[in-house]
Amino acid sequence: MNATQSCTLTAEQVNAAFKALASEQRREILRMLATCPSEPGAPCSATGEVCACKITERLNLAASTVSHHMGVLRAAGLVSARKEGTWVHYALQRDVMEQVASELLGF
């Protein structure tokens, strides 16, 4: 699911999101994306996005581990990715997160 889609999540999508949220490291990545300040002038920084290199640095994880976690989050529709040269920028899909939270709360 991408940012332009605003339909209701299927049960399969909700289940994938909850499975993705089961990991403490993935929840920390989502917190990073939710509060990401851009770094003006940094080649790997963009407004509303976090570069994979910053996630690797902050969480002290191997690039392959970050790649795995981001793949799970992307498959669940919780984040989107944009490749720019050698950098991969990730952004939180707030509309999907809101739907998942609503599902959890029963609204």
Foldseek 3Di string as FASTA:
>chain_A
DDLVDQDADDPVLLVLVVVLVVDPLLVVVLVCLVDPDFDPPDPQGDPSWHWLVVSCVVVVHDSVVSVVSVVSCVVSVQWDWDDDPPIIIIHGSVSVVVSSVCVVVVD
